[in-house]
Protein backbone atom coordinates (compact mmCIF):
# COMPACT_ATOMS: atom_id res chain seq x y z
CA MET A 1 48.53 -103.66 -94.77
CA THR A 2 46.02 -101.01 -95.85
CA SER A 3 42.96 -100.07 -93.83
CA GLU A 4 40.81 -102.04 -96.28
CA GLU A 5 43.00 -105.11 -95.81
CA MET A 6 42.98 -104.75 -92.03
CA GLY A 7 39.20 -104.50 -92.04
CA THR A 8 38.91 -107.60 -94.20
CA LYS A 9 41.42 -109.44 -92.02
CA ALA A 10 39.47 -108.67 -88.85
CA LYS A 11 36.20 -109.78 -90.44
CA GLU A 12 37.77 -113.03 -91.65
CA LEU A 13 39.22 -113.74 -88.19
CA MET A 14 35.76 -113.27 -86.70
CA LYS A 15 34.27 -115.61 -89.28
CA LYS A 16 36.86 -118.18 -88.21
CA LYS A 17 35.56 -117.97 -84.60
CA PHE A 18 37.57 -115.20 -82.97
CA HIS A 19 35.41 -112.94 -80.84
CA CYS A 20 34.97 -109.40 -82.17
CA SER A 21 37.49 -108.09 -79.64
CA GLN A 22 40.10 -110.66 -80.61
CA ALA A 23 39.59 -110.09 -84.34
CA VAL A 24 40.21 -106.34 -84.15
CA LEU A 25 43.16 -106.69 -81.78
CA ALA A 26 44.82 -109.50 -83.76
CA ALA A 27 44.46 -107.61 -87.05
CA GLY A 28 46.02 -104.57 -85.38
CA GLN A 29 48.89 -106.62 -84.04
CA GLU A 30 49.53 -108.01 -87.50
CA LYS A 31 49.52 -104.48 -88.94
CA LEU A 32 52.20 -103.49 -86.41
CA GLY A 33 54.23 -106.69 -86.76
CA ILE A 34 53.45 -107.72 -83.19
CA SER A 35 52.77 -111.26 -82.07
CA SER A 36 51.31 -111.44 -78.59
CA PRO A 37 48.94 -114.40 -78.36
CA GLU A 38 48.51 -113.83 -74.61
CA VAL A 39 47.00 -110.42 -75.24
CA VAL A 40 44.67 -111.81 -77.93
CA LYS A 41 43.61 -114.53 -75.53
CA ALA A 42 43.12 -112.03 -72.71
CA VAL A 43 40.51 -110.01 -74.63
CA GLY A 44 38.34 -113.01 -75.52
CA LEU A 45 35.92 -112.33 -72.69
CA TYR A 46 35.19 -108.87 -74.11
CA GLY A 47 33.02 -110.62 -76.73
CA GLY A 48 29.28 -110.32 -76.37
CA GLY A 49 29.70 -106.89 -74.84
CA ILE A 50 31.96 -107.76 -71.90
CA SER A 51 31.38 -111.33 -70.83
CA GLY A 52 28.16 -111.69 -72.80
CA THR A 53 26.39 -108.95 -70.87
CA GLY A 54 25.54 -106.93 -73.98
CA GLU A 55 27.48 -103.90 -72.76
CA VAL A 56 30.16 -102.06 -74.82
CA CYS A 57 30.92 -103.87 -78.07
CA GLY A 58 34.06 -105.98 -78.03
CA ALA A 59 35.25 -104.56 -81.35
CA LEU A 60 35.86 -101.21 -79.65
CA LEU A 61 37.38 -102.90 -76.62
CA GLY A 62 39.79 -104.90 -78.77
CA GLY A 63 41.00 -101.73 -80.47
CA ILE A 64 41.32 -99.95 -77.12
CA ALA A 65 43.29 -102.93 -75.78
CA LEU A 66 45.72 -102.69 -78.71
CA ILE A 67 46.27 -98.98 -78.08
CA SER A 68 46.71 -99.64 -74.37
CA SER A 69 49.24 -102.39 -75.07
CA LEU A 70 51.32 -99.84 -76.96
CA TYR A 71 51.15 -96.92 -74.53
CA SER A 72 50.23 -98.10 -71.03
CA ARG A 73 52.56 -99.68 -68.47
CA ALA A 74 53.24 -103.28 -67.54
CA ASN A 75 54.79 -102.48 -64.18
CA LEU A 76 55.01 -99.61 -61.73
CA GLU A 77 58.39 -98.47 -63.02
CA ASP A 78 57.08 -97.88 -66.55
CA LYS A 79 55.72 -94.52 -67.61
CA GLU A 80 52.34 -94.31 -69.24
CA SER A 81 52.12 -92.18 -72.35
CA PRO A 82 49.39 -89.54 -72.57
CA LYS A 83 49.16 -90.58 -76.21
CA MET A 84 47.19 -93.60 -74.98
CA TRP A 85 44.28 -91.35 -73.99
CA LYS A 86 44.42 -89.34 -77.20
CA LEU A 87 44.30 -92.40 -79.44
CA GLY A 88 41.69 -94.07 -77.28
CA HIS A 89 39.42 -91.05 -77.61
CA MET A 90 40.03 -90.95 -81.36
CA LEU A 91 38.96 -94.57 -81.74
CA ASP A 92 35.97 -94.10 -79.45
CA LYS A 93 34.78 -91.15 -81.54
CA ARG A 94 35.12 -93.11 -84.79
CA PHE A 95 33.37 -96.10 -83.21
CA SER A 96 30.47 -93.90 -82.14
CA GLU A 97 30.10 -92.79 -85.76
CA ILE A 98 30.28 -96.40 -87.00
CA THR A 99 27.63 -97.61 -84.57
CA SER A 100 25.28 -94.61 -84.66
CA GLN A 101 23.03 -96.47 -87.11
CA PHE A 102 22.45 -99.12 -84.44
CA GLY A 103 21.66 -96.65 -81.69
CA GLY A 104 24.96 -96.81 -79.82
CA LYS A 105 28.08 -98.67 -78.77
CA LEU A 106 26.42 -101.49 -76.89
CA CYS A 107 26.58 -105.04 -78.17
CA ARG A 108 22.91 -105.53 -77.37
CA ASP A 109 22.03 -102.65 -79.72
CA ILE A 110 24.20 -103.95 -82.55
CA ALA A 111 23.70 -107.72 -82.34
CA ARG A 112 20.31 -107.62 -80.62
CA VAL A 113 21.06 -110.88 -78.88
CA ASP A 114 20.57 -111.82 -75.26
CA TRP A 115 23.82 -113.75 -74.81
CA GLY A 116 22.35 -115.44 -71.74
CA ASP A 117 19.58 -117.04 -73.83
CA ARG A 118 21.01 -120.15 -75.53
CA ASP A 119 18.18 -120.23 -78.08
CA GLN A 120 18.89 -116.66 -79.18
CA VAL A 121 22.63 -117.35 -79.33
CA ASN A 122 22.13 -120.51 -81.39
CA ALA A 123 19.80 -118.68 -83.77
CA PHE A 124 22.29 -115.84 -84.09
CA TYR A 125 25.11 -118.18 -85.10
CA LYS A 126 22.97 -120.44 -87.30
CA ASN A 127 21.45 -117.62 -89.31
CA GLN A 128 24.54 -115.70 -90.41
CA ASP A 129 22.41 -113.49 -92.66
CA SER A 130 20.58 -111.99 -89.72
CA ARG A 131 22.08 -109.54 -87.20
CA HIS A 132 25.40 -111.37 -87.48
CA LYS A 133 26.16 -109.41 -90.64
CA TYR A 134 26.01 -106.19 -88.63
CA CYS A 135 28.65 -107.52 -86.23
CA TYR A 136 30.91 -108.33 -89.18
CA GLU A 137 30.34 -104.83 -90.54
CA VAL A 138 31.16 -103.20 -87.20
CA VAL A 139 34.30 -105.32 -86.77
CA GLU A 140 35.46 -104.52 -90.29
CA GLU A 141 34.82 -100.78 -89.98
CA THR A 142 36.39 -100.60 -86.52
CA ALA A 143 39.54 -102.34 -87.76
CA ARG A 144 39.71 -99.89 -90.67
CA ALA A 145 39.36 -96.92 -88.33
CA LEU A 146 42.01 -98.36 -86.00
CA CYS A 147 44.36 -98.85 -88.94
CA GLU A 148 43.93 -95.24 -90.03
CA ILE A 149 44.68 -94.05 -86.51
CA LEU A 150 47.75 -96.29 -86.29
CA GLU A 151 49.01 -95.06 -89.66
CA LYS A 152 48.56 -91.42 -88.74
CA GLU A 153 49.58 -91.44 -85.07
CA VAL A 154 51.88 -94.44 -84.53
CA ILE A 155 53.54 -95.56 -87.76
CA GLY A 156 53.69 -92.15 -89.44
CA LYS A 157 55.49 -90.53 -86.50
């Protein structure tokens, strides 16, 4: 899967009702040949900027979760790889570049939705030509960036 294909895959998953975090993570898992539905499920609440609070965008958090799932530990006996931090910082830097046009990494800056206001949420999902298109763009570009990092730092090594 190329970076273009991974970006398209993530965007399509989001259009099919995955949260931004789930879409990026699931596309990354597919790229790596991993199937871990529990992890995809676990990042669902990152949507809307961490539990609908408008904080850090779930697309970044989904990518970070994928990297963490590769290099962190699942128990106290496991060793954590310093590579986790390196790749996490790489993705964060790319994400900052992707979202600079929106004023930052926060969901509220990108989507401009108060997730606690049902009317705003309904309008956001009904009018897919509004700010929703920016979320698709961010998800697609984040998945592409993640793919490039995976190809260079994980698969290529």
